[in-house]
Amino acid sequence: MRALQIDPVDNVAVAVQAVPPGSPVDIRSDLTIAAREAIPVGHKLALRDIAAGDMVIKYGVPIGRASRDIARGSHVHTQNVEDITTQLCLEYAATFQREVKA
């Protein structure tokens, strides 16, 4: 089974094929993780333990906040990730406005 870590700072990888529970998932030549549960194709897998409240990082940027502890090898999706789209948009808008005024 394979999954892609898009950016070196990501704490998740994306499954490029459906992963059965317990299967080894090759992330990089130096990293293989056992899937704790089924991971559908295109879904995320935790590369390390992610504590509740920590940011889920994909593409090198936060895409959500862990709503509960997520163990290494677990499926990372809406059941354990809080949407932070509004927060990110507000932060981006504030940064943009400061830069325009400078």
PDB file of N, CA and C in Angstrom:
ATOM      1  N   MET A   1       0.842  -1.172   0.000  1.00  0.00           N
ATOM      2  CA  MET A   1       0.000   0.000   0.000  1.00  0.00           C
ATOM      3  C   MET A   1       0.891   1.242   0.000  1.00  0.00           C
ATOM      4  N   ARG A   2       0.382   2.295  -0.609  1.00  0.00           N
ATOM      5  CA  ARG A   2       1.166   3.534  -0.689  1.00  0.00           C
ATOM      6  C   ARG A   2       0.337   4.728  -0.239  1.00  0.00           C
ATOM      7  N   ALA A   3       1.037   5.717   0.300  1.00  0.00           N
ATOM      8  CA  ALA A   3       0.440   7.006   0.625  1.00  0.00           C
ATOM      9  C   ALA A   3       1.503   8.072   0.374  1.00  0.00           C
ATOM     10  N   LEU A   4       1.068   9.267   0.044  1.00  0.00           N
ATOM     11  CA  LEU A   4       1.985  10.361  -0.278  1.00  0.00           C
ATOM     12  C   LEU A   4       1.997  11.416   0.818  1.00  0.00           C
ATOM     13  N   GLN A   5       3.188  11.734   1.284  1.00  0.00           N
ATOM     14  CA  GLN A   5       3.387  12.879   2.166  1.00  0.00           C
ATOM     15  C   GLN A   5       3.754  14.027   1.234  1.00  0.00           C
ATOM     16  N   ILE A   6       2.884  15.011   1.133  1.00  0.00           N
ATOM     17  CA  ILE A   6       3.045  16.056   0.129  1.00  0.00           C
ATOM     18  C   ILE A   6       4.179  17.023   0.473  1.00  0.00           C
ATOM     19  N   ASP A   7       4.295  17.389   1.744  1.00  0.00           N
ATOM     20  CA  ASP A   7       5.333  18.321   2.197  1.00  0.00           C
ATOM     21  C   ASP A   7       6.047  17.686   3.390  1.00  0.00           C
ATOM     22  N   PRO A   8       7.343  17.891   3.538  1.00  0.00           N
ATOM     23  CA  PRO A   8       8.073  17.261   4.655  1.00  0.00           C
ATOM     24  C   PRO A   8       7.535  17.609   6.040  1.00  0.00           C
ATOM     25  N   VAL A   9       6.856  18.730   6.211  1.00  0.00           N
ATOM     26  CA  VAL A   9       6.324  19.105   7.534  1.00  0.00           C
ATOM     27  C   VAL A   9       4.936  18.525   7.799  1.00  0.00           C
ATOM     28  N   ASP A  10       4.318  17.894   6.791  1.00  0.00           N
ATOM     29  CA  ASP A  10       2.979  17.329   6.958  1.00  0.00           C
ATOM     30  C   ASP A  10       2.965  16.256   8.047  1.00  0.00           C
ATOM     31  N   ASN A  11       1.870  16.236   8.828  1.00  0.00           N
ATOM     32  CA  ASN A  11       1.707  15.157   9.800  1.00  0.00           C
ATOM     33  C   ASN A  11       0.668  14.135   9.330  1.00  0.00           C
ATOM     34  N   VAL A  12       0.269  14.259   8.060  1.00  0.00           N
ATOM     35  CA  VAL A  12      -0.620  13.289   7.412  1.00  0.00           C
ATOM     36  C   VAL A  12      -0.078  12.968   6.020  1.00  0.00           C
ATOM     37  N   ALA A  13      -0.510  11.808   5.506  1.00  0.00           N
ATOM     38  CA  ALA A  13      -0.214  11.426   4.130  1.00  0.00           C
ATOM     39  C   ALA A  13      -1.536  11.018   3.490  1.00  0.00           C
ATOM     40  N   VAL A  14      -1.585  11.056   2.165  1.00  0.00           N
ATOM     41  CA  VAL A  14      -2.805  10.740   1.421  1.00  0.00           C
ATOM     42  C   VAL A  14      -2.671   9.353   0.788  1.00  0.00           C
ATOM     43  N   ALA A  15      -3.656   8.501   1.063  1.00  0.00           N
ATOM     44  CA  ALA A  15      -3.647   7.144   0.506  1.00  0.00           C
ATOM     45  C   ALA A  15      -3.898   7.199  -0.997  1.00  0.00           C
ATOM     46  N   VAL A  16      -3.028   6.566  -1.777  1.00  0.00           N
ATOM     47  CA  VAL A  16      -3.203   6.529  -3.233  1.00  0.00           C
ATOM     48  C   VAL A  16      -3.946   5.262  -3.665  1.00  0.00           C
ATOM     49  N   GLN A  17      -4.245   4.414  -2.703  1.00  0.00           N
ATOM     50  CA  GLN A  17      -5.082   3.239  -2.943  1.00  0.00           C
ATOM     51  C   GLN A  17      -5.749   2.907  -1.607  1.00  0.00           C
ATOM     52  N   ALA A  18      -6.867   2.210  -1.661  1.00  0.00           N
ATOM     53  CA  ALA A  18      -7.559   1.822  -0.433  1.00  0.00           C
ATOM     54  C   ALA A  18      -6.631   0.957   0.421  1.00  0.00           C
ATOM     55  N   VAL A  19      -6.618   1.226   1.720  1.00  0.00           N
ATOM     56  CA  VAL A  19      -5.724   0.524   2.641  1.00  0.00           C
ATOM     57  C   VAL A  19      -6.565  -0.267   3.652  1.00  0.00           C
ATOM     58  N   PRO A  20      -6.413  -1.579   3.684  1.00  0.00           N
ATOM     59  CA  PRO A  20      -7.120  -2.377   4.692  1.00  0.00           C
ATOM     60  C   PRO A  20      -6.494  -2.190   6.078  1.00  0.00           C
ATOM     61  N   PRO A  21      -7.275  -2.384   7.142  1.00  0.00           N
ATOM     62  CA  PRO A  21      -6.715  -2.267   8.494  1.00  0.00           C
ATOM     63  C   PRO A  21      -5.549  -3.226   8.696  1.00  0.00           C
ATOM     64  N   GLY A  22      -4.527  -2.740   9.391  1.00  0.00           N
ATOM     65  CA  GLY A  22      -3.357  -3.562   9.691  1.00  0.00           C
ATOM     66  C   GLY A  22      -2.323  -3.642   8.591  1.00  0.00           C
ATOM     67  N   SER A  23      -2.627  -3.103   7.426  1.00  0.00           N
ATOM     68  CA  SER A  23      -1.691  -3.165   6.299  1.00  0.00           C
ATOM     69  C   SER A  23      -0.544  -2.187   6.483  1.00  0.00           C
ATOM     70  N   PRO A  24       0.665  -2.574   6.050  1.00  0.00           N
ATOM     71  CA  PRO A  24       1.768  -1.623   6.043  1.00  0.00           C
ATOM     72  C   PRO A  24       1.554  -0.609   4.909  1.00  0.00           C
ATOM     73  N   VAL A  25       1.832   0.648   5.212  1.00  0.00           N
ATOM     74  CA  VAL A  25       1.682   1.721   4.222  1.00  0.00           C
ATOM     75  C   VAL A  25       3.043   2.372   4.037  1.00  0.00           C
ATOM     76  N   ASP A  26       3.567   2.300   2.818  1.00  0.00           N
ATOM     77  CA  ASP A  26       4.861   2.917   2.495  1.00  0.00           C
ATOM     78  C   ASP A  26       4.644   4.393   2.208  1.00  0.00           C
ATOM     79  N   ILE A  27       5.282   5.236   3.029  1.00  0.00           N
ATOM     80  CA  ILE A  27       5.176   6.686   2.872  1.00  0.00           C
ATOM     81  C   ILE A  27       6.392   7.201   2.100  1.00  0.00           C
ATOM     82  N   ARG A  28       7.554   6.845   2.596  1.00  0.00           N
ATOM     83  CA  ARG A  28       8.835   7.186   1.958  1.00  0.00           C
ATOM     84  C   ARG A  28       9.713   5.953   2.069  1.00  0.00           C
ATOM     85  N   SER A  29      10.876   6.013   1.462  1.00  0.00           N
ATOM     86  CA  SER A  29      11.777   4.860   1.530  1.00  0.00           C
ATOM     87  C   SER A  29      12.186   4.553   2.975  1.00  0.00           C
ATOM     88  N   ASP A  30      12.136   5.565   3.839  1.00  0.00           N
ATOM     89  CA  ASP A  30      12.544   5.376   5.237  1.00  0.00           C
ATOM     90  C   ASP A  30      11.364   5.370   6.210  1.00  0.00           C
ATOM     91  N   LEU A  31      10.119   5.282   5.705  1.00  0.00           N
ATOM     92  CA  LEU A  31       8.961   5.345   6.601  1.00  0.00           C
ATOM     93  C   LEU A  31       7.824   4.457   6.108  1.00  0.00           C
ATOM     94  N   THR A  32       7.509   3.454   6.902  1.00  0.00           N
ATOM     95  CA  THR A  32       6.354   2.589   6.675  1.00  0.00           C
ATOM     96  C   THR A  32       5.544   2.584   7.965  1.00  0.00           C
ATOM     97  N   ILE A  33       4.224   2.750   7.832  1.00  0.00           N
ATOM     98  CA  ILE A  33       3.330   2.822   8.985  1.00  0.00           C
ATOM     99  C   ILE A  33       2.238   1.779   8.815  1.00  0.00           C
ATOM    100  N   ALA A  34       1.876   1.098   9.904  1.00  0.00           N
ATOM    101  CA  ALA A  34       0.761   0.155   9.865  1.00  0.00           C
ATOM    102  C   ALA A  34      -0.549   0.930  10.020  1.00  0.00           C
ATOM    103  N   ALA A  35      -1.482   0.696   9.110  1.00  0.00           N
ATOM    104  CA  ALA A  35      -2.795   1.342   9.191  1.00  0.00           C
ATOM    105  C   ALA A  35      -3.574   0.746  10.354  1.00  0.00           C
ATOM    106  N   ARG A  36      -4.072   1.596  11.230  1.00  0.00           N
ATOM    107  CA  ARG A  36      -4.844   1.135  12.389  1.00  0.00           C
ATOM    108  C   ARG A  36      -6.280   0.778  12.007  1.00  0.00           C
ATOM    109  N   GLU A  37      -6.732   1.299  10.886  1.00  0.00           N
ATOM    110  CA  GLU A  37      -8.094   1.079  10.415  1.00  0.00           C
ATOM    111  C   GLU A  37      -8.097   1.232   8.898  1.00  0.00           C
ATOM    112  N   ALA A  38      -9.218   0.974   8.267  1.00  0.00           N
ATOM    113  CA  ALA A  38      -9.317   1.132   6.814  1.00  0.00           C
ATOM    114  C   ALA A  38      -9.150   2.604   6.445  1.00  0.00           C
ATOM    115  N   ILE A  39      -8.371   2.858   5.404  1.00  0.00           N
ATOM    116  CA  ILE A  39      -8.165   4.214   4.890  1.00  0.00           C
ATOM    117  C   ILE A  39      -8.632   4.207   3.434  1.00  0.00           C
ATOM    118  N   PRO A  40      -9.732   4.906   3.117  1.00  0.00           N
ATOM    119  CA  PRO A  40     -10.186   4.950   1.720  1.00  0.00           C
ATOM    120  C   PRO A  40      -9.194   5.716   0.837  1.00  0.00           C
ATOM    121  N   VAL A  41      -9.171   5.374  -0.441  1.00  0.00           N
ATOM    122  CA  VAL A  41      -8.302   6.071  -1.388  1.00  0.00           C
ATOM    123  C   VAL A  41      -8.619   7.574  -1.338  1.00  0.00           C
ATOM    124  N   GLY A  42      -7.572   8.390  -1.334  1.00  0.00           N
ATOM    125  CA  GLY A  42      -7.725   9.839  -1.295  1.00  0.00           C
ATOM    126  C   GLY A  42      -7.887  10.412   0.102  1.00  0.00           C
ATOM    127  N   HIS A  43      -7.995   9.544   1.104  1.00  0.00           N
ATOM    128  CA  HIS A  43      -8.144  10.024   2.481  1.00  0.00           C
ATOM    129  C   HIS A  43      -6.788  10.076   3.175  1.00  0.00           C
ATOM    130  N   LYS A  44      -6.765  10.717   4.340  1.00  0.00           N
ATOM    131  CA  LYS A  44      -5.519  10.956   5.059  1.00  0.00           C
ATOM    132  C   LYS A  44      -5.267   9.909   6.140  1.00  0.00           C
ATOM    133  N   LEU A  45      -3.986   9.692   6.398  1.00  0.00           N
ATOM    134  CA  LEU A  45      -3.483   8.769   7.406  1.00  0.00           C
ATOM    135  C   LEU A  45      -2.513   9.560   8.282  1.00  0.00           C
ATOM    136  N   ALA A  46      -2.622   9.424   9.600  1.00  0.00           N
ATOM    137  CA  ALA A  46      -1.723  10.139  10.514  1.00  0.00           C
ATOM    138  C   ALA A  46      -0.318   9.540  10.458  1.00  0.00           C
ATOM    139  N   LEU A  47       0.670  10.400  10.246  1.00  0.00           N
ATOM    140  CA  LEU A  47       2.067   9.948  10.189  1.00  0.00           C
ATOM    141  C   LEU A  47       2.684   9.827  11.575  1.00  0.00           C
ATOM    142  N   ARG A  48       2.081  10.482  12.539  1.00  0.00           N
ATOM    143  CA  ARG A  48       2.533  10.423  13.939  1.00  0.00           C
ATOM    144  C   ARG A  48       1.314  10.699  14.809  1.00  0.00           C
ATOM    145  N   ASP A  49       1.447  10.517  16.080  1.00  0.00           N
ATOM    146  CA  ASP A  49       0.351  10.854  16.980  1.00  0.00           C
ATOM    147  C   ASP A  49       0.082  12.352  16.887  1.00  0.00           C
ATOM    148  N   ILE A  50      -1.202  12.708  16.815  1.00  0.00           N
ATOM    149  CA  ILE A  50      -1.622  14.108  16.765  1.00  0.00           C
ATOM    150  C   ILE A  50      -2.542  14.315  17.963  1.00  0.00           C
ATOM    151  N   ALA A  51      -2.164  15.191  18.868  1.00  0.00           N
ATOM    152  CA  ALA A  51      -2.954  15.435  20.077  1.00  0.00           C
ATOM    153  C   ALA A  51      -4.179  16.292  19.767  1.00  0.00           C
ATOM    154  N   ALA A  52      -5.238  16.075  20.532  1.00  0.00           N
ATOM    155  CA  ALA A  52      -6.433  16.910  20.410  1.00  0.00           C
ATOM    156  C   ALA A  52      -6.018  18.374  20.532  1.00  0.00           C
ATOM    157  N   GLY A  53      -6.496  19.202  19.628  1.00  0.00           N
ATOM    158  CA  GLY A  53      -6.155  20.630  19.623  1.00  0.00           C
ATOM    159  C   GLY A  53      -4.998  20.980  18.713  1.00  0.00           C
ATOM    160  N   ASP A  54      -4.191  19.997  18.332  1.00  0.00           N
ATOM    161  CA  ASP A  54      -3.069  20.260  17.423  1.00  0.00           C
ATOM    162  C   ASP A  54      -3.583  20.440  15.995  1.00  0.00           C
ATOM    163  N   MET A  55      -2.833  21.170  15.212  1.00  0.00           N
ATOM    164  CA  MET A  55      -3.181  21.373  13.817  1.00  0.00           C
ATOM    165  C   MET A  55      -2.854  20.124  12.989  1.00  0.00           C
ATOM    166  N   VAL A  56      -3.728  19.832  12.041  1.00  0.00           N
ATOM    167  CA  VAL A  56      -3.467  18.805  11.043  1.00  0.00           C
ATOM    168  C   VAL A  56      -2.825  19.528   9.872  1.00  0.00           C
ATOM    169  N   ILE A  57      -1.636  19.083   9.497  1.00  0.00           N
ATOM    170  CA  ILE A  57      -0.838  19.776   8.480  1.00  0.00           C
ATOM    171  C   ILE A  57      -0.789  18.940   7.203  1.00  0.00           C
ATOM    172  N   LYS A  58      -1.203  19.567   6.086  1.00  0.00           N
ATOM    173  CA  LYS A  58      -1.142  18.958   4.754  1.00  0.00           C
ATOM    174  C   LYS A  58      -0.754  20.079   3.800  1.00  0.00           C
ATOM    175  N   TYR A  59       0.013  19.804   2.785  1.00  0.00           N
ATOM    176  CA  TYR A  59       0.546  20.815   1.865  1.00  0.00           C
ATOM    177  C   TYR A  59       1.466  21.796   2.593  1.00  0.00           C
ATOM    178  N   GLY A  60       1.938  21.429   3.771  1.00  0.00           N
ATOM    179  CA  GLY A  60       2.798  22.309   4.553  1.00  0.00           C
ATOM    180  C   GLY A  60       2.054  23.389   5.311  1.00  0.00           C
ATOM    181  N   VAL A  61       0.724  23.329   5.335  1.00  0.00           N
ATOM    182  CA  VAL A  61      -0.089  24.345   6.024  1.00  0.00           C
ATOM    183  C   VAL A  61      -1.190  23.660   6.831  1.00  0.00           C
ATOM    184  N   PRO A  62      -1.710  24.344   7.856  1.00  0.00           N
ATOM    185  CA  PRO A  62      -2.822  23.761   8.629  1.00  0.00           C
ATOM    186  C   PRO A  62      -4.070  23.648   7.765  1.00  0.00           C
ATOM    187  N   ILE A  63      -4.739  22.497   7.863  1.00  0.00           N
ATOM    188  CA  ILE A  63      -6.002  22.308   7.138  1.00  0.00           C
ATOM    189  C   ILE A  63      -7.148  22.017   8.102  1.00  0.00           C
ATOM    190  N   GLY A  64      -6.833  21.840   9.367  1.00  0.00           N
ATOM    191  CA  GLY A  64      -7.841  21.545  10.372  1.00  0.00           C
ATOM    192  C   GLY A  64      -7.183  21.393  11.726  1.00  0.00           C
ATOM    193  N   ARG A  65      -8.024  21.202  12.752  1.00  0.00           N
ATOM    194  CA  ARG A  65      -7.535  21.011  14.119  1.00  0.00           C
ATOM    195  C   ARG A  65      -8.065  19.664  14.607  1.00  0.00           C
ATOM    196  N   ALA A  66      -7.196  18.874  15.210  1.00  0.00           N
ATOM    197  CA  ALA A  66      -7.616  17.577  15.735  1.00  0.00           C
ATOM    198  C   ALA A  66      -8.669  17.792  16.819  1.00  0.00           C
ATOM    199  N   SER A  67      -9.836  17.191  16.637  1.00  0.00           N
ATOM    200  CA  SER A  67     -10.914  17.345  17.616  1.00  0.00           C
ATOM    201  C   SER A  67     -10.783  16.327  18.746  1.00  0.00           C
ATOM    202  N   ARG A  68      -9.901  15.360  18.565  1.00  0.00           N
ATOM    203  CA  ARG A  68      -9.565  14.371  19.591  1.00  0.00           C
ATOM    204  C   ARG A  68      -8.188  13.825  19.260  1.00  0.00           C
ATOM    205  N   ASP A  69      -7.609  13.087  20.171  1.00  0.00           N
ATOM    206  CA  ASP A  69      -6.304  12.478  19.898  1.00  0.00           C
ATOM    207  C   ASP A  69      -6.425  11.553  18.689  1.00  0.00           C
ATOM    208  N   ILE A  70      -5.416  11.616  17.811  1.00  0.00           N
ATOM    209  CA  ILE A  70      -5.376  10.769  16.621  1.00  0.00           C
ATOM    210  C   ILE A  70      -4.062   9.986  16.676  1.00  0.00           C
ATOM    211  N   ALA A  71      -4.171   8.676  16.735  1.00  0.00           N
ATOM    212  CA  ALA A  71      -2.976   7.829  16.821  1.00  0.00           C
ATOM    213  C   ALA A  71      -2.324   7.660  15.452  1.00  0.00           C
ATOM    214  N   ARG A  72      -1.022   7.504  15.463  1.00  0.00           N
ATOM    215  CA  ARG A  72      -0.261   7.214  14.243  1.00  0.00           C
ATOM    216  C   ARG A  72      -0.908   6.043  13.517  1.00  0.00           C
ATOM    217  N   GLY A  73      -1.109   6.178  12.203  1.00  0.00           N
ATOM    218  CA  GLY A  73      -1.700   5.123  11.397  1.00  0.00           C
ATOM    219  C   GLY A  73      -3.213   5.185  11.304  1.00  0.00           C
ATOM    220  N   SER A  74      -3.839   6.150  11.991  1.00  0.00           N
ATOM    221  CA  SER A  74      -5.304   6.268  11.978  1.00  0.00           C
ATOM    222  C   SER A  74      -5.800   7.062  10.778  1.00  0.00           C
ATOM    223  N   HIS A  75      -7.046   6.807  10.433  1.00  0.00           N
ATOM    224  CA  HIS A  75      -7.761   7.563   9.401  1.00  0.00           C
ATOM    225  C   HIS A  75      -8.003   8.971   9.939  1.00  0.00           C
ATOM    226  N   VAL A  76      -7.608   9.986   9.179  1.00  0.00           N
ATOM    227  CA  VAL A  76      -7.781  11.380   9.558  1.00  0.00           C
ATOM    228  C   VAL A  76      -8.845  11.975   8.644  1.00  0.00           C
ATOM    229  N   HIS A  77      -9.985  12.316   9.231  1.00  0.00           N
ATOM    230  CA  HIS A  77     -11.110  12.814   8.431  1.00  0.00           C
ATOM    231  C   HIS A  77     -12.062  13.580   9.350  1.00  0.00           C
ATOM    232  N   THR A  78     -13.272  13.798   8.899  1.00  0.00           N
ATOM    233  CA  THR A  78     -14.221  14.640   9.632  1.00  0.00           C
ATOM    234  C   THR A  78     -14.566  14.101  11.018  1.00  0.00           C
ATOM    235  N   GLN A  79     -14.373  12.814  11.271  1.00  0.00           N
ATOM    236  CA  GLN A  79     -14.690  12.258  12.582  1.00  0.00           C
ATOM    237  C   GLN A  79     -13.702  12.689  13.661  1.00  0.00           C
ATOM    238  N   ASN A  80     -12.528  13.190  13.244  1.00  0.00           N
ATOM    239  CA  ASN A  80     -11.527  13.575  14.242  1.00  0.00           C
ATOM    240  C   ASN A  80     -10.804  14.882  13.911  1.00  0.00           C
ATOM    241  N   VAL A  81     -11.345  15.647  12.949  1.00  0.00           N
ATOM    242  CA  VAL A  81     -10.740  16.927  12.560  1.00  0.00           C
ATOM    243  C   VAL A  81     -11.812  18.007  12.507  1.00  0.00           C
ATOM    244  N   GLU A  82     -11.527  19.111  13.169  1.00  0.00           N
ATOM    245  CA  GLU A  82     -12.411  20.277  13.167  1.00  0.00           C
ATOM    246  C   GLU A  82     -12.064  21.176  11.987  1.00  0.00           C
ATOM    247  N   ASP A  83     -13.074  21.629  11.278  1.00  0.00           N
ATOM    248  CA  ASP A  83     -12.891  22.546  10.143  1.00  0.00           C
ATOM    249  C   ASP A  83     -12.445  23.910  10.673  1.00  0.00           C
ATOM    250  N   ILE A  84     -11.375  24.445  10.121  1.00  0.00           N
ATOM    251  CA  ILE A  84     -10.878  25.765  10.540  1.00  0.00           C
ATOM    252  C   ILE A  84     -10.866  26.750   9.373  1.00  0.00           C
ATOM    253  N   THR A  85     -11.686  26.500   8.366  1.00  0.00           N
ATOM    254  CA  THR A  85     -11.710  27.351   7.178  1.00  0.00           C
ATOM    255  C   THR A  85     -11.985  28.804   7.538  1.00  0.00           C
ATOM    256  N   THR A  86     -12.986  29.061   8.374  1.00  0.00           N
ATOM    257  CA  THR A  86     -13.332  30.437   8.754  1.00  0.00           C
ATOM    258  C   THR A  86     -12.159  31.104   9.460  1.00  0.00           C
ATOM    259  N   GLN A  87     -11.538  30.400  10.401  1.00  0.00           N
ATOM    260  CA  GLN A  87     -10.386  30.950  11.118  1.00  0.00           C
ATOM    261  C   GLN A  87      -9.263  31.306  10.149  1.00  0.00           C
ATOM    262  N   LEU A  88      -8.953  30.407   9.220  1.00  0.00           N
ATOM    263  CA  LEU A  88      -7.873  30.663   8.265  1.00  0.00           C
ATOM    264  C   LEU A  88      -8.201  31.852   7.360  1.00  0.00           C
ATOM    265  N   CYS A  89      -9.462  31.952   6.926  1.00  0.00           N
ATOM    266  CA  CYS A  89      -9.863  33.080   6.073  1.00  0.00           C
ATOM    267  C   CYS A  89      -9.738  34.400   6.819  1.00  0.00           C
ATOM    268  N   LEU A  90     -10.149  34.438   8.086  1.00  0.00           N
ATOM    269  CA  LEU A  90     -10.043  35.664   8.878  1.00  0.00           C
ATOM    270  C   LEU A  90      -8.586  36.061   9.091  1.00  0.00           C
ATOM    271  N   GLU A  91      -7.729  35.070   9.362  1.00  0.00           N
ATOM    272  CA  GLU A  91      -6.299  35.353   9.541  1.00  0.00           C
ATOM    273  C   GLU A  91      -5.683  35.861   8.243  1.00  0.00           C
ATOM    274  N   TYR A  92      -6.034  35.247   7.134  1.00  0.00           N
ATOM    275  CA  TYR A  92      -5.523  35.691   5.833  1.00  0.00           C
ATOM    276  C   TYR A  92      -5.984  37.115   5.542  1.00  0.00           C
ATOM    277  N   ALA A  93      -7.262  37.396   5.787  1.00  0.00           N
ATOM    278  CA  ALA A  93      -7.798  38.735   5.518  1.00  0.00           C
ATOM    279  C   ALA A  93      -7.092  39.775   6.371  1.00  0.00           C
ATOM    280  N   ALA A  94      -6.855  39.485   7.644  1.00  0.00           N
ATOM    281  CA  ALA A  94      -6.174  40.433   8.529  1.00  0.00           C
ATOM    282  C   ALA A  94      -4.746  40.692   8.048  1.00  0.00           C
ATOM    283  N   THR A  95      -4.050  39.642   7.651  1.00  0.00           N
ATOM    284  CA  THR A  95      -2.685  39.793   7.132  1.00  0.00           C
ATOM    285  C   THR A  95      -2.688  40.616   5.853  1.00  0.00           C
ATOM    286  N   PHE A  96      -3.605  40.320   4.951  1.00  0.00           N
ATOM    287  CA  PHE A  96      -3.705  41.043   3.694  1.00  0.00           C
ATOM    288  C   PHE A  96      -3.969  42.530   3.942  1.00  0.00           C
ATOM    289  N   GLN A  97      -4.885  42.843   4.847  1.00  0.00           N
ATOM    290  CA  GLN A  97      -5.216  44.244   5.132  1.00  0.00           C
ATOM    291  C   GLN A  97      -4.019  44.973   5.723  1.00  0.00           C
ATOM    292  N   ARG A  98      -3.254  44.317   6.614  1.00  0.00           N
ATOM    293  CA  ARG A  98      -2.057  44.959   7.166  1.00  0.00           C
ATOM    294  C   ARG A  98      -1.037  45.245   6.077  1.00  0.00           C
ATOM    295  N   GLU A  99      -0.865  44.293   5.143  1.00  0.00           N
ATOM    296  CA  GLU A  99       0.117  44.466   4.072  1.00  0.00           C
ATOM    297  C   GLU A  99      -0.298  45.570   3.096  1.00  0.00           C
ATOM    298  N   VAL A 100      -1.572  45.697   2.823  1.00  0.00           N
ATOM    299  CA  VAL A 100      -2.076  46.723   1.896  1.00  0.00           C
ATOM    300  C   VAL A 100      -1.883  48.105   2.509  1.00  0.00           C
ATOM    301  N   LYS A 101      -2.065  48.222   3.821  1.00  0.00           N
ATOM    302  CA  LYS A 101      -1.945  49.509   4.493  1.00  0.00           C
ATOM    303  C   LYS A 101      -0.487  49.913   4.696  1.00  0.00           C
ATOM    304  N   ALA A 102       0.422  48.967   4.622  1.00  0.00           N
ATOM    305  CA  ALA A 102       1.849  49.259   4.884  1.00  0.00           C
ATOM    306  C   ALA A 102       2.512  49.963   3.728  1.00  0.00           C
TER     307      ALA A 102
END
